[in-house]
Amino acid sequence: MTENLLEQVTALIEANPRSGQALSLYALCKTLDIEKGGHMYMLRKLADMTPENRQFSYGLMEMMSRGENHGEVWDSALARMDAAIRG
């Protein structure tokens, strides 16, 4: 599930990296990657997401709660997201 979720989120970001939906998901992923910040994310951003993207967000938060927001799969997905956002 982890790899599939990350692949779906990464593909969404790569498809349209300047969209609000992509930027919100990217911001969540970057937040979940920084433990020292206490994973601070404005939950009201979830209201601006489509129902499907909110489900992605919930899945990403579940990954964090299981400690799956580290490692090769996570780092590879974030690298792809970073490249897409940078253009």
Protein backbone atom coordinates (compact mmCIF):
# COMPACT_ATOMS: atom_id res chain seq x y z
CA MET A 1 0.00 0.00 0.00
CA THR A 2 2.78 2.44 0.90
CA GLU A 3 4.46 2.31 -2.49
CA ASN A 4 1.14 2.50 -4.35
CA LEU A 5 0.00 5.53 -2.33
CA LEU A 6 3.30 7.31 -2.80
CA GLU A 7 3.27 6.51 -6.53
CA GLN A 8 -0.25 7.93 -6.90
CA VAL A 9 0.60 11.11 -5.00
CA THR A 10 3.87 11.54 -6.87
CA ALA A 11 2.17 11.03 -10.24
CA LEU A 12 -0.49 13.59 -9.35
CA ILE A 13 2.19 16.13 -8.43
CA GLU A 14 4.24 15.39 -11.54
CA ALA A 15 1.19 15.73 -13.79
CA ASN A 16 0.40 19.29 -12.69
CA PRO A 17 3.00 20.59 -10.21
CA ARG A 18 1.58 24.13 -10.15
CA SER A 19 -1.97 23.17 -9.21
CA GLY A 20 -3.25 23.95 -5.76
CA GLN A 21 -4.01 20.28 -5.15
CA ALA A 22 -0.47 19.22 -6.03
CA LEU A 23 1.07 21.97 -3.92
CA SER A 24 -1.08 21.07 -0.91
CA LEU A 25 -0.12 17.39 -1.13
CA TYR A 26 3.52 18.32 -1.64
CA ALA A 27 3.41 20.59 1.44
CA LEU A 28 1.95 17.75 3.49
CA CYS A 29 4.65 15.33 2.33
CA LYS A 30 7.39 17.82 3.12
CA THR A 31 5.85 18.47 6.54
CA LEU A 32 5.67 14.74 7.30
CA ASP A 33 9.35 14.49 6.38
CA ILE A 34 10.41 16.94 9.11
CA GLU A 35 9.97 15.41 12.56
CA LYS A 36 11.59 18.29 14.43
CA GLY A 37 8.79 20.57 13.29
CA GLY A 38 6.23 18.32 14.95
CA HIS A 39 4.71 17.64 11.53
CA MET A 40 2.96 21.03 11.55
CA TYR A 41 0.36 21.27 8.77
CA MET A 42 -2.67 23.52 8.62
CA LEU A 43 -5.54 21.08 8.68
CA ARG A 44 -7.88 23.59 7.07
CA LYS A 45 -5.93 22.97 3.85
CA LEU A 46 -7.71 19.61 3.74
CA ALA A 47 -11.00 21.43 3.10
CA ASP A 48 -9.58 22.84 -0.14
CA MET A 49 -8.70 19.39 -1.46
CA THR A 50 -10.86 17.15 -3.56
CA PRO A 51 -12.30 14.15 -1.66
CA GLU A 52 -9.85 11.86 -3.47
CA ASN A 53 -6.86 14.00 -2.51
CA ARG A 54 -8.07 14.17 1.09
CA GLN A 55 -7.97 10.36 1.09
CA PHE A 56 -4.38 10.55 -0.17
CA SER A 57 -3.63 12.96 2.69
CA TYR A 58 -5.16 10.65 5.27
CA GLY A 59 -3.11 7.78 3.86
CA LEU A 60 0.08 9.84 4.06
CA MET A 61 -0.68 10.72 7.68
CA GLU A 62 -1.29 7.05 8.43
CA MET A 63 2.09 6.25 6.89
CA MET A 64 3.68 8.77 9.26
CA SER A 65 1.91 7.25 12.26
CA ARG A 66 3.39 3.85 11.33
CA GLY A 67 6.87 5.36 10.87
CA GLU A 68 6.86 4.78 7.12
CA ASN A 69 7.77 8.36 6.24
CA HIS A 70 11.46 7.46 6.03
CA GLY A 71 13.58 5.14 3.95
CA GLU A 72 14.30 4.46 0.33
CA VAL A 73 10.72 4.42 -1.01
CA TRP A 74 9.75 7.62 0.81
CA ASP A 75 12.99 9.41 -0.11
CA SER A 76 12.68 8.41 -3.76
CA ALA A 77 9.10 9.69 -3.94
CA LEU A 78 10.07 12.98 -2.30
CA ALA A 79 12.97 13.43 -4.71
CA ARG A 80 10.57 13.03 -7.64
CA MET A 81 8.12 15.46 -6.05
CA ASP A 82 10.91 17.99 -5.45
CA ALA A 83 12.01 17.73 -9.09
CA ALA A 84 8.44 18.22 -10.33
CA ILE A 85 7.84 21.27 -8.12
CA ARG A 86 11.14 22.86 -9.13
CA GLY A 87 10.28 22.31 -12.78
